[in-house]
Amino acid sequence: MNVSKYAAGCGLIAHILFAGFVEEVGLYFKGTDVFLNPITEGGGIKTKLVEALGYGLNAVSTAQGAIGIDPALCNGKLAISGNADWAGFAEHVIRVSANQESVLPAYFEHFYWGNSTKMAAAFIQ
């Protein structure tokens, strides 16, 4: 889906930028207060959520969107709502936006590529 075309049909929404595809997502992460991840289908880990938390952002996700991410490693920076609980999702946005804590070092150790490849190699052997 082309998000920019969809957003244009919705009119302007204050403080929300529908950027569509961007070359360097890190620039957007640096200017963001809360990362929203309202994913309700699909499998596997959602790498944009991993990246957003790695940038130190507070994040709100559905349960489906947070598969593979342990909230205990996020130091309160990740709030997870039910897959169709949009009222709860909105409440989480308000709550996490005040979190000034840092993501725990264990988060970075867990998602560090070198550690992931070691675990994969050990599994294959």
Protein backbone atom coordinates (compact mmCIF):
# COMPACT_ATOMS: atom_id res chain seq x y z
CA MET A 1 0.00 0.00 0.00
CA ASN A 2 1.26 3.46 -0.81
CA VAL A 3 0.90 5.17 2.57
CA SER A 4 1.39 8.66 1.12
CA LYS A 5 -1.56 8.26 -1.27
CA TYR A 6 -3.70 6.80 1.52
CA ALA A 7 -2.78 9.64 3.88
CA ALA A 8 -3.54 12.27 1.23
CA GLY A 9 -7.09 10.93 1.07
CA CYS A 10 -7.43 11.27 4.83
CA GLY A 11 -6.59 14.96 4.90
CA LEU A 12 -4.09 16.53 7.24
CA ILE A 13 -3.57 15.04 10.68
CA ALA A 14 -1.74 17.33 13.09
CA HIS A 15 1.76 16.20 14.13
CA ILE A 16 1.72 13.07 11.94
CA LEU A 17 3.92 12.76 8.88
CA PHE A 18 3.04 10.07 6.35
CA ALA A 19 6.45 9.80 4.70
CA GLY A 20 6.06 6.57 2.75
CA PHE A 21 9.35 4.95 1.75
CA VAL A 22 12.43 6.83 2.98
CA GLU A 23 16.09 6.28 2.17
CA GLU A 24 17.37 6.80 5.75
CA VAL A 25 14.89 5.84 8.47
CA GLY A 26 17.33 6.81 11.23
CA LEU A 27 16.71 10.49 10.50
CA TYR A 28 13.02 9.96 11.21
CA PHE A 29 13.73 7.98 14.38
CA LYS A 30 15.82 10.87 15.70
CA GLY A 31 12.87 13.25 15.32
CA THR A 32 10.25 10.96 16.82
CA ASP A 33 8.80 10.86 20.32
CA VAL A 34 6.98 7.51 20.13
CA PHE A 35 7.29 4.74 17.52
CA LEU A 36 3.90 3.23 16.62
CA ASN A 37 3.80 -0.37 15.39
CA PRO A 38 0.13 -1.28 14.78
CA ILE A 39 0.90 -4.55 12.94
CA THR A 40 -1.92 -7.10 13.12
CA GLU A 41 -0.73 -9.80 10.72
CA GLY A 42 2.42 -11.39 9.43
CA GLY A 43 5.06 -13.48 11.11
CA GLY A 44 8.55 -13.11 12.40
CA ILE A 45 10.30 -10.27 14.12
CA LYS A 46 9.52 -6.76 12.95
CA THR A 47 12.90 -5.16 12.38
CA LYS A 48 11.67 -1.54 12.38
CA LEU A 49 10.51 -2.02 15.99
CA VAL A 50 13.92 -3.48 16.90
CA GLU A 51 15.61 -0.49 15.23
CA ALA A 52 13.33 2.06 16.90
CA LEU A 53 14.07 0.64 20.34
CA GLY A 54 17.76 0.58 19.44
CA TYR A 55 17.51 4.32 18.78
CA GLY A 56 16.13 4.68 22.31
CA LEU A 57 12.58 5.46 21.26
CA ASN A 58 9.54 4.68 23.32
CA ALA A 59 7.37 2.30 21.31
CA VAL A 60 3.84 0.95 21.28
CA SER A 61 3.03 -2.23 19.40
CA THR A 62 0.31 -4.78 19.01
CA ALA A 63 1.11 -8.27 20.29
CA GLN A 64 1.55 -9.46 16.70
CA GLY A 65 3.96 -6.64 15.93
CA ALA A 66 6.13 -7.36 18.98
CA ILE A 67 6.73 -11.07 18.35
CA GLY A 68 10.32 -11.93 19.22
CA ILE A 69 10.98 -8.88 21.40
CA ASP A 70 11.16 -9.38 25.15
CA PRO A 71 9.64 -6.31 26.85
CA ALA A 72 11.74 -7.07 29.96
CA LEU A 73 14.83 -6.01 27.97
CA CYS A 74 13.24 -2.67 27.02
CA ASN A 75 13.06 -1.03 30.48
CA GLY A 76 9.46 0.14 30.05
CA LYS A 77 10.09 1.64 26.61
CA LEU A 78 7.88 -0.95 24.85
CA ALA A 79 4.17 -1.21 25.58
CA ILE A 80 2.18 -3.99 23.95
CA SER A 81 -1.58 -3.96 23.40
CA GLY A 82 -3.88 -6.69 22.15
CA ASN A 83 -4.09 -7.03 18.37
CA ALA A 84 -7.46 -5.26 18.13
CA ASP A 85 -7.37 -3.21 21.35
CA TRP A 86 -7.04 0.26 19.82
CA ALA A 87 -8.23 2.06 22.95
CA GLY A 88 -5.52 0.26 24.92
CA PHE A 89 -3.01 1.08 22.17
CA ALA A 90 -3.82 4.79 22.50
CA GLU A 91 -3.52 4.64 26.31
CA HIS A 92 -0.09 3.03 25.94
CA VAL A 93 1.03 5.88 23.64
CA ILE A 94 0.22 8.40 26.36
CA ARG A 95 1.87 6.32 29.09
CA VAL A 96 5.15 5.49 27.32
CA SER A 97 5.64 9.00 25.98
CA ALA A 98 6.71 10.04 29.49
CA ASN A 99 9.35 7.28 29.85
CA GLN A 100 12.83 8.78 30.11
CA GLU A 101 14.64 5.49 30.86
CA SER A 102 17.19 3.92 28.53
CA VAL A 103 16.91 0.55 26.85
CA LEU A 104 18.89 -1.98 28.88
CA PRO A 105 22.34 -3.09 27.65
CA ALA A 106 20.96 -6.66 27.54
CA TYR A 107 18.67 -5.52 24.70
CA PHE A 108 21.65 -4.60 22.53
CA GLU A 109 23.46 -7.80 23.45
CA HIS A 110 20.39 -9.84 22.49
CA PHE A 111 19.97 -8.16 19.08
CA TYR A 112 23.67 -7.73 18.29
CA TRP A 113 24.26 -9.37 14.89
CA GLY A 114 27.45 -11.11 16.05
CA ASN A 115 25.59 -12.85 18.87
CA SER A 116 22.72 -13.81 16.56
CA THR A 117 25.07 -15.46 14.07
CA LYS A 118 26.83 -17.38 16.87
CA MET A 119 23.48 -18.73 18.07
CA ALA A 120 22.49 -19.69 14.52
CA ALA A 121 25.82 -21.44 13.93
CA ALA A 122 25.47 -23.35 17.21
CA PHE A 123 21.96 -24.42 16.23
CA ILE A 124 23.13 -25.69 12.83
CA GLN A 125 25.96 -27.70 14.35
